[in-house]
Amino acid sequence: MNRPRIFADFHNADAQGRLRLSCIGTIEDLSRQQIQLKNGQLLTLYSEELEVDGLVQFSEAENIWVATIDWDRIRTVEDEHIISAKL
């Protein structure tokens, strides 16, 4: 399944481990791809050589959009290219 690929800062997580979707790189990617965030939306989040799939939620506590991710499923982009090349 093709999900929009959006920049996220993996060092900017809230207390629940969700990535905050408020940094400038995220905002630029959302704008460039004309994406409006909504609850339950699936995205692929990346930063440099890392990426992970995430589920968008609105954080009422911080009044910002966040993404729930599985920290154990973060993958390197290099790995993805190697797997694709072998197929």
PDB file of N, CA and C in Angstrom:
ATOM      1  N   MET A   1       0.844  -1.186   0.000  1.00  0.00           N
ATOM      2  CA  MET A   1       0.000   0.000   0.000  1.00  0.00           C
ATOM      3  C   MET A   1       0.884   1.243   0.000  1.00  0.00           C
ATOM      4  N   ASN A   2       0.622   2.150  -0.898  1.00  0.00           N
ATOM      5  CA  ASN A   2       1.390   3.385  -0.993  1.00  0.00           C
ATOM      6  C   ASN A   2       0.828   4.430  -0.035  1.00  0.00           C
ATOM      7  N   ARG A   3       1.652   4.841   0.911  1.00  0.00           N
ATOM      8  CA  ARG A   3       1.263   5.884   1.866  1.00  0.00           C
ATOM      9  C   ARG A   3       2.070   7.134   1.553  1.00  0.00           C
ATOM     10  N   PRO A   4       1.502   8.305   1.818  1.00  0.00           N
ATOM     11  CA  PRO A   4       2.316   9.514   1.662  1.00  0.00           C
ATOM     12  C   PRO A   4       3.555   9.424   2.549  1.00  0.00           C
ATOM     13  N   ARG A   5       4.686   9.872   2.034  1.00  0.00           N
ATOM     14  CA  ARG A   5       5.957   9.838   2.767  1.00  0.00           C
ATOM     15  C   ARG A   5       6.250  11.251   3.254  1.00  0.00           C
ATOM     16  N   ILE A   6       6.284  11.417   4.570  1.00  0.00           N
ATOM     17  CA  ILE A   6       6.376  12.721   5.213  1.00  0.00           C
ATOM     18  C   ILE A   6       7.554  12.748   6.183  1.00  0.00           C
ATOM     19  N   PHE A   7       8.306  13.840   6.168  1.00  0.00           N
ATOM     20  CA  PHE A   7       9.421  14.007   7.101  1.00  0.00           C
ATOM     21  C   PHE A   7       8.893  14.087   8.534  1.00  0.00           C
ATOM     22  N   ALA A   8       9.617  13.479   9.472  1.00  0.00           N
ATOM     23  CA  ALA A   8       9.321  13.598  10.905  1.00  0.00           C
ATOM     24  C   ALA A   8      10.634  13.560  11.666  1.00  0.00           C
ATOM     25  N   ASP A   9      10.682  14.289  12.754  1.00  0.00           N
ATOM     26  CA  ASP A   9      11.859  14.302  13.622  1.00  0.00           C
ATOM     27  C   ASP A   9      11.706  13.186  14.658  1.00  0.00           C
ATOM     28  N   PHE A  10      12.499  12.126  14.516  1.00  0.00           N
ATOM     29  CA  PHE A  10      12.405  10.976  15.409  1.00  0.00           C
ATOM     30  C   PHE A  10      12.872  11.304  16.828  1.00  0.00           C
ATOM     31  N   HIS A  11      13.459  12.468  17.040  1.00  0.00           N
ATOM     32  CA  HIS A  11      13.887  12.898  18.377  1.00  0.00           C
ATOM     33  C   HIS A  11      12.831  13.781  19.038  1.00  0.00           C
ATOM     34  N   ASN A  12      11.701  13.972  18.363  1.00  0.00           N
ATOM     35  CA  ASN A  12      10.660  14.862  18.878  1.00  0.00           C
ATOM     36  C   ASN A  12       9.379  14.065  19.146  1.00  0.00           C
ATOM     37  N   ALA A  13       9.464  13.186  20.132  1.00  0.00           N
ATOM     38  CA  ALA A  13       8.313  12.364  20.512  1.00  0.00           C
ATOM     39  C   ALA A  13       7.711  12.899  21.808  1.00  0.00           C
ATOM     40  N   ASP A  14       6.412  12.670  21.962  1.00  0.00           N
ATOM     41  CA  ASP A  14       5.757  13.091  23.202  1.00  0.00           C
ATOM     42  C   ASP A  14       5.944  12.015  24.273  1.00  0.00           C
ATOM     43  N   ALA A  15       5.355  12.222  25.438  1.00  0.00           N
ATOM     44  CA  ALA A  15       5.525  11.291  26.561  1.00  0.00           C
ATOM     45  C   ALA A  15       4.963   9.903  26.267  1.00  0.00           C
ATOM     46  N   GLN A  16       4.064   9.804  25.293  1.00  0.00           N
ATOM     47  CA  GLN A  16       3.473   8.516  24.922  1.00  0.00           C
ATOM     48  C   GLN A  16       4.245   7.849  23.778  1.00  0.00           C
ATOM     49  N   GLY A  17       5.325   8.472  23.336  1.00  0.00           N
ATOM     50  CA  GLY A  17       6.140   7.900  22.274  1.00  0.00           C
ATOM     51  C   GLY A  17       5.637   8.199  20.874  1.00  0.00           C
ATOM     52  N   ARG A  18       4.684   9.109  20.747  1.00  0.00           N
ATOM     53  CA  ARG A  18       4.161   9.479  19.439  1.00  0.00           C
ATOM     54  C   ARG A  18       5.028  10.594  18.852  1.00  0.00           C
ATOM     55  N   LEU A  19       5.265  10.515  17.547  1.00  0.00           N
ATOM     56  CA  LEU A  19       6.056  11.558  16.893  1.00  0.00           C
ATOM     57  C   LEU A  19       5.199  12.796  16.690  1.00  0.00           C
ATOM     58  N   ARG A  20       5.723  13.943  17.085  1.00  0.00           N
ATOM     59  CA  ARG A  20       5.029  15.204  16.844  1.00  0.00           C
ATOM     60  C   ARG A  20       5.213  15.589  15.375  1.00  0.00           C
ATOM     61  N   LEU A  21       4.124  15.959  14.740  1.00  0.00           N
ATOM     62  CA  LEU A  21       4.160  16.310  13.319  1.00  0.00           C
ATOM     63  C   LEU A  21       4.108  17.830  13.161  1.00  0.00           C
ATOM     64  N   SER A  22       5.034  18.498  13.827  1.00  0.00           N
ATOM     65  CA  SER A  22       4.987  19.956  13.866  1.00  0.00           C
ATOM     66  C   SER A  22       6.281  20.631  13.420  1.00  0.00           C
ATOM     67  N   CYS A  23       7.288  19.863  13.020  1.00  0.00           N
ATOM     68  CA  CYS A  23       8.545  20.502  12.627  1.00  0.00           C
ATOM     69  C   CYS A  23       8.444  21.053  11.201  1.00  0.00           C
ATOM     70  N   ILE A  24       9.354  21.920  10.847  1.00  0.00           N
ATOM     71  CA  ILE A  24       9.297  22.607   9.561  1.00  0.00           C
ATOM     72  C   ILE A  24       9.370  21.633   8.384  1.00  0.00           C
ATOM     73  N   GLY A  25      10.181  20.593   8.483  1.00  0.00           N
ATOM     74  CA  GLY A  25      10.275  19.609   7.399  1.00  0.00           C
ATOM     75  C   GLY A  25       8.954  18.886   7.168  1.00  0.00           C
ATOM     76  N   THR A  26       8.254  18.597   8.257  1.00  0.00           N
ATOM     77  CA  THR A  26       6.939  17.955   8.159  1.00  0.00           C
ATOM     78  C   THR A  26       5.950  18.893   7.491  1.00  0.00           C
ATOM     79  N   ILE A  27       5.919  20.121   7.948  1.00  0.00           N
ATOM     80  CA  ILE A  27       4.994  21.110   7.403  1.00  0.00           C
ATOM     81  C   ILE A  27       5.265  21.334   5.912  1.00  0.00           C
ATOM     82  N   GLU A  28       6.542  21.386   5.531  1.00  0.00           N
ATOM     83  CA  GLU A  28       6.890  21.567   4.116  1.00  0.00           C
ATOM     84  C   GLU A  28       6.434  20.380   3.269  1.00  0.00           C
ATOM     85  N   ASP A  29       6.654  19.142   3.759  1.00  0.00           N
ATOM     86  CA  ASP A  29       6.220  17.956   3.012  1.00  0.00           C
ATOM     87  C   ASP A  29       4.699  17.918   2.870  1.00  0.00           C
ATOM     88  N   LEU A  30       3.989  18.225   3.952  1.00  0.00           N
ATOM     89  CA  LEU A  30       2.530  18.230   3.901  1.00  0.00           C
ATOM     90  C   LEU A  30       2.028  19.263   2.899  1.00  0.00           C
ATOM     91  N   SER A  31       2.632  20.429   2.909  1.00  0.00           N
ATOM     92  CA  SER A  31       2.240  21.488   1.987  1.00  0.00           C
ATOM     93  C   SER A  31       2.538  21.110   0.541  1.00  0.00           C
ATOM     94  N   ARG A  32       3.749  20.614   0.303  1.00  0.00           N
ATOM     95  CA  ARG A  32       4.171  20.243  -1.052  1.00  0.00           C
ATOM     96  C   ARG A  32       3.270  19.160  -1.642  1.00  0.00           C
ATOM     97  N   GLN A  33       2.841  18.212  -0.798  1.00  0.00           N
ATOM     98  CA  GLN A  33       2.003  17.111  -1.257  1.00  0.00           C
ATOM     99  C   GLN A  33       0.505  17.399  -1.083  1.00  0.00           C
ATOM    100  N   GLN A  34       0.196  18.599  -0.604  1.00  0.00           N
ATOM    101  CA  GLN A  34      -1.184  19.047  -0.394  1.00  0.00           C
ATOM    102  C   GLN A  34      -1.981  18.055   0.461  1.00  0.00           C
ATOM    103  N   ILE A  35      -1.388  17.700   1.605  1.00  0.00           N
ATOM    104  CA  ILE A  35      -2.012  16.750   2.530  1.00  0.00           C
ATOM    105  C   ILE A  35      -2.528  17.496   3.746  1.00  0.00           C
ATOM    106  N   GLN A  36      -3.787  17.249   4.081  1.00  0.00           N
ATOM    107  CA  GLN A  36      -4.356  17.752   5.323  1.00  0.00           C
ATOM    108  C   GLN A  36      -4.480  16.553   6.259  1.00  0.00           C
ATOM    109  N   LEU A  37      -3.897  16.664   7.428  1.00  0.00           N
ATOM    110  CA  LEU A  37      -3.905  15.555   8.374  1.00  0.00           C
ATOM    111  C   LEU A  37      -5.296  15.328   8.937  1.00  0.00           C
ATOM    112  N   LYS A  38      -5.597  14.041   9.202  1.00  0.00           N
ATOM    113  CA  LYS A  38      -6.869  13.677   9.830  1.00  0.00           C
ATOM    114  C   LYS A  38      -6.661  12.432  10.686  1.00  0.00           C
ATOM    115  N   ASN A  39      -7.470  12.278  11.704  1.00  0.00           N
ATOM    116  CA  ASN A  39      -7.380  11.124  12.592  1.00  0.00           C
ATOM    117  C   ASN A  39      -7.520   9.828  11.796  1.00  0.00           C
ATOM    118  N   GLY A  40      -6.637   8.876  12.092  1.00  0.00           N
ATOM    119  CA  GLY A  40      -6.691   7.569  11.453  1.00  0.00           C
ATOM    120  C   GLY A  40      -5.951   7.467  10.137  1.00  0.00           C
ATOM    121  N   GLN A  41      -5.392   8.563   9.675  1.00  0.00           N
ATOM    122  CA  GLN A  41      -4.651   8.572   8.413  1.00  0.00           C
ATOM    123  C   GLN A  41      -3.333   7.816   8.562  1.00  0.00           C
ATOM    124  N   LEU A  42      -2.963   7.030   7.558  1.00  0.00           N
ATOM    125  CA  LEU A  42      -1.704   6.296   7.562  1.00  0.00           C
ATOM    126  C   LEU A  42      -0.665   7.041   6.737  1.00  0.00           C
ATOM    127  N   LEU A  43       0.537   7.162   7.308  1.00  0.00           N
ATOM    128  CA  LEU A  43       1.654   7.828   6.638  1.00  0.00           C
ATOM    129  C   LEU A  43       2.907   6.988   6.796  1.00  0.00           C
ATOM    130  N   THR A  44       3.850   7.189   5.898  1.00  0.00           N
ATOM    131  CA  THR A  44       5.200   6.699   6.101  1.00  0.00           C
ATOM    132  C   THR A  44       6.017   7.904   6.515  1.00  0.00           C
ATOM    133  N   LEU A  45       6.649   7.813   7.671  1.00  0.00           N
ATOM    134  CA  LEU A  45       7.421   8.923   8.234  1.00  0.00           C
ATOM    135  C   LEU A  45       8.898   8.621   8.077  1.00  0.00           C
ATOM    136  N   TYR A  46       9.670   9.623   7.657  1.00  0.00           N
ATOM    137  CA  TYR A  46      11.095   9.398   7.425  1.00  0.00           C
ATOM    138  C   TYR A  46      11.928  10.516   8.033  1.00  0.00           C
ATOM    139  N   SER A  47      13.183  10.195   8.278  1.00  0.00           N
ATOM    140  CA  SER A  47      14.181  11.158   8.724  1.00  0.00           C
ATOM    141  C   SER A  47      15.537  10.594   8.345  1.00  0.00           C
ATOM    142  N   GLU A  48      16.225  11.285   7.474  1.00  0.00           N
ATOM    143  CA  GLU A  48      17.519  10.836   6.968  1.00  0.00           C
ATOM    144  C   GLU A  48      17.399   9.417   6.434  1.00  0.00           C
ATOM    145  N   GLU A  49      18.048   8.424   7.048  1.00  0.00           N
ATOM    146  CA  GLU A  49      18.020   7.065   6.508  1.00  0.00           C
ATOM    147  C   GLU A  49      16.972   6.168   7.182  1.00  0.00           C
ATOM    148  N   LEU A  50      16.152   6.728   8.066  1.00  0.00           N
ATOM    149  CA  LEU A  50      15.145   5.934   8.783  1.00  0.00           C
ATOM    150  C   LEU A  50      13.745   6.213   8.266  1.00  0.00           C
ATOM    151  N   GLU A  51      12.883   5.202   8.361  1.00  0.00           N
ATOM    152  CA  GLU A  51      11.470   5.413   8.074  1.00  0.00           C
ATOM    153  C   GLU A  51      10.630   4.395   8.831  1.00  0.00           C
ATOM    154  N   VAL A  52       9.358   4.747   9.030  1.00  0.00           N
ATOM    155  CA  VAL A  52       8.426   3.893   9.764  1.00  0.00           C
ATOM    156  C   VAL A  52       7.013   4.295   9.361  1.00  0.00           C
ATOM    157  N   ASP A  53       6.091   3.347   9.431  1.00  0.00           N
ATOM    158  CA  ASP A  53       4.692   3.656   9.161  1.00  0.00           C
ATOM    159  C   ASP A  53       4.046   4.158  10.440  1.00  0.00           C
ATOM    160  N   GLY A  54       3.140   5.113  10.308  1.00  0.00           N
ATOM    161  CA  GLY A  54       2.502   5.694  11.482  1.00  0.00           C
ATOM    162  C   GLY A  54       1.032   5.995  11.251  1.00  0.00           C
ATOM    163  N   LEU A  55       0.314   6.105  12.345  1.00  0.00           N
ATOM    164  CA  LEU A  55      -1.113   6.406  12.352  1.00  0.00           C
ATOM    165  C   LEU A  55      -1.313   7.785  12.970  1.00  0.00           C
ATOM    166  N   VAL A  56      -1.935   8.681  12.231  1.00  0.00           N
ATOM    167  CA  VAL A  56      -2.103  10.077  12.653  1.00  0.00           C
ATOM    168  C   VAL A  56      -3.218  10.202  13.690  1.00  0.00           C
ATOM    169  N   GLN A  57      -2.950  11.025  14.702  1.00  0.00           N
ATOM    170  CA  GLN A  57      -3.933  11.369  15.736  1.00  0.00           C
ATOM    171  C   GLN A  57      -3.755  12.836  16.086  1.00  0.00           C
ATOM    172  N   PHE A  58      -4.825  13.446  16.575  1.00  0.00           N
ATOM    173  CA  PHE A  58      -4.699  14.802  17.088  1.00  0.00           C
ATOM    174  C   PHE A  58      -4.520  14.734  18.587  1.00  0.00           C
ATOM    175  N   SER A  59      -3.465  15.371  19.090  1.00  0.00           N
ATOM    176  CA  SER A  59      -3.198  15.408  20.524  1.00  0.00           C
ATOM    177  C   SER A  59      -3.917  16.613  21.127  1.00  0.00           C
ATOM    178  N   GLU A  60      -4.970  16.343  21.846  1.00  0.00           N
ATOM    179  CA  GLU A  60      -5.721  17.413  22.518  1.00  0.00           C
ATOM    180  C   GLU A  60      -4.850  18.100  23.569  1.00  0.00           C
ATOM    181  N   ALA A  61      -4.012  17.315  24.243  1.00  0.00           N
ATOM    182  CA  ALA A  61      -3.173  17.849  25.321  1.00  0.00           C
ATOM    183  C   ALA A  61      -2.192  18.901  24.806  1.00  0.00           C
ATOM    184  N   GLU A  62      -1.628  18.659  23.611  1.00  0.00           N
ATOM    185  CA  GLU A  62      -0.640  19.589  23.067  1.00  0.00           C
ATOM    186  C   GLU A  62      -1.185  20.437  21.921  1.00  0.00           C
ATOM    187  N   ASN A  63      -2.403  20.127  21.489  1.00  0.00           N
ATOM    188  CA  ASN A  63      -3.039  20.852  20.396  1.00  0.00           C
ATOM    189  C   ASN A  63      -2.220  20.785  19.100  1.00  0.00           C
ATOM    190  N   ILE A  64      -1.677  19.581  18.823  1.00  0.00           N
ATOM    191  CA  ILE A  64      -0.907  19.350  17.596  1.00  0.00           C
ATOM    192  C   ILE A  64      -1.210  17.942  17.066  1.00  0.00           C
ATOM    193  N   TRP A  65      -0.839  17.726  15.806  1.00  0.00           N
ATOM    194  CA  TRP A  65      -0.953  16.399  15.206  1.00  0.00           C
ATOM    195  C   TRP A  65       0.267  15.574  15.594  1.00  0.00           C
ATOM    196  N   VAL A  66       0.022  14.293  15.866  1.00  0.00           N
ATOM    197  CA  VAL A  66       1.083  13.351  16.210  1.00  0.00           C
ATOM    198  C   VAL A  66       0.858  12.067  15.416  1.00  0.00           C
ATOM    199  N   ALA A  67       1.857  11.198  15.414  1.00  0.00           N
ATOM    200  CA  ALA A  67       1.711   9.898  14.759  1.00  0.00           C
ATOM    201  C   ALA A  67       2.155   8.800  15.722  1.00  0.00           C
ATOM    202  N   THR A  68       1.301   7.826  15.893  1.00  0.00           N
ATOM    203  CA  THR A  68       1.633   6.644  16.679  1.00  0.00           C
ATOM    204  C   THR A  68       2.446   5.715  15.790  1.00  0.00           C
ATOM    205  N   ILE A  69       3.602   5.297  16.297  1.00  0.00           N
ATOM    206  CA  ILE A  69       4.462   4.387  15.531  1.00  0.00           C
ATOM    207  C   ILE A  69       4.860   3.217  16.413  1.00  0.00           C
ATOM    208  N   ASP A  70       5.331   2.169  15.784  1.00  0.00           N
ATOM    209  CA  ASP A  70       5.914   1.038  16.498  1.00  0.00           C
ATOM    210  C   ASP A  70       7.426   1.241  16.420  1.00  0.00           C
ATOM    211  N   TRP A  71       8.039   1.617  17.514  1.00  0.00           N
ATOM    212  CA  TRP A  71       9.463   1.930  17.548  1.00  0.00           C
ATOM    213  C   TRP A  71      10.321   0.721  17.166  1.00  0.00           C
ATOM    214  N   ASP A  72       9.788  -0.473  17.313  1.00  0.00           N
ATOM    215  CA  ASP A  72      10.520  -1.683  16.936  1.00  0.00           C
ATOM    216  C   ASP A  72      10.458  -1.955  15.432  1.00  0.00           C
ATOM    217  N   ARG A  73       9.646  -1.207  14.706  1.00  0.00           N
ATOM    218  CA  ARG A  73       9.495  -1.423  13.261  1.00  0.00           C
ATOM    219  C   ARG A  73      10.151  -0.329  12.421  1.00  0.00           C
ATOM    220  N   ILE A  74      10.967   0.497  13.055  1.00  0.00           N
ATOM    221  CA  ILE A  74      11.717   1.496  12.287  1.00  0.00           C
ATOM    222  C   ILE A  74      12.705   0.754  11.402  1.00  0.00           C
ATOM    223  N   ARG A  75      12.767   1.138  10.164  1.00  0.00           N
ATOM    224  CA  ARG A  75      13.661   0.469   9.211  1.00  0.00           C
ATOM    225  C   ARG A  75      14.574   1.504   8.567  1.00  0.00           C
ATOM    226  N   THR A  76      15.684   1.029   8.061  1.00  0.00           N
ATOM    227  CA  THR A  76      16.576   1.919   7.333  1.00  0.00           C
ATOM    228  C   THR A  76      16.178   1.913   5.872  1.00  0.00           C
ATOM    229  N   VAL A  77      16.293   3.032   5.249  1.00  0.00           N
ATOM    230  CA  VAL A  77      15.942   3.159   3.841  1.00  0.00           C
ATOM    231  C   VAL A  77      16.854   2.275   3.009  1.00  0.00           C
ATOM    232  N   GLU A  78      18.121   2.142   3.406  1.00  0.00           N
ATOM    233  CA  GLU A  78      19.055   1.256   2.705  1.00  0.00           C
ATOM    234  C   GLU A  78      18.509  -0.161   2.631  1.00  0.00           C
ATOM    235  N   ASP A  79      17.961  -0.654   3.748  1.00  0.00           N
ATOM    236  CA  ASP A  79      17.399  -1.998   3.780  1.00  0.00           C
ATOM    237  C   ASP A  79      16.281  -2.140   2.761  1.00  0.00           C
ATOM    238  N   GLU A  80      15.429  -1.138   2.647  1.00  0.00           N
ATOM    239  CA  GLU A  80      14.318  -1.181   1.711  1.00  0.00           C
ATOM    240  C   GLU A  80      14.829  -1.258   0.267  1.00  0.00           C
ATOM    241  N   HIS A  81      15.884  -0.507  -0.058  1.00  0.00           N
ATOM    242  CA  HIS A  81      16.422  -0.521  -1.406  1.00  0.00           C
ATOM    243  C   HIS A  81      17.062  -1.874  -1.725  1.00  0.00           C
ATOM    244  N   ILE A  82      17.726  -2.472  -0.753  1.00  0.00           N
ATOM    245  CA  ILE A  82      18.349  -3.783  -0.955  1.00  0.00           C
ATOM    246  C   ILE A  82      17.272  -4.850  -1.202  1.00  0.00           C
ATOM    247  N   ILE A  83      16.206  -4.807  -0.405  1.00  0.00           N
ATOM    248  CA  ILE A  83      15.109  -5.774  -0.562  1.00  0.00           C
ATOM    249  C   ILE A  83      14.457  -5.607  -1.939  1.00  0.00           C
ATOM    250  N   SER A  84      14.190  -4.377  -2.335  1.00  0.00           N
ATOM    251  CA  SER A  84      13.572  -4.114  -3.645  1.00  0.00           C
ATOM    252  C   SER A  84      14.461  -4.599  -4.772  1.00  0.00           C
ATOM    253  N   ALA A  85      15.776  -4.411  -4.644  1.00  0.00           N
ATOM    254  CA  ALA A  85      16.705  -4.819  -5.695  1.00  0.00           C
ATOM    255  C   ALA A  85      16.732  -6.337  -5.840  1.00  0.00           C
ATOM    256  N   LYS A  86      16.560  -7.074  -4.721  1.00  0.00           N
ATOM    257  CA  LYS A  86      16.589  -8.524  -4.774  1.00  0.00           C
ATOM    258  C   LYS A  86      15.320  -9.103  -5.393  1.00  0.00           C
ATOM    259  N   LEU A  87      14.224  -8.363  -5.309  1.00  0.00           N
ATOM    260  CA  LEU A  87      12.959  -8.834  -5.882  1.00  0.00           C
ATOM    261  C   LEU A  87      13.010  -8.653  -7.355  1.00  0.00           C
TER     262      LEU A  87
END
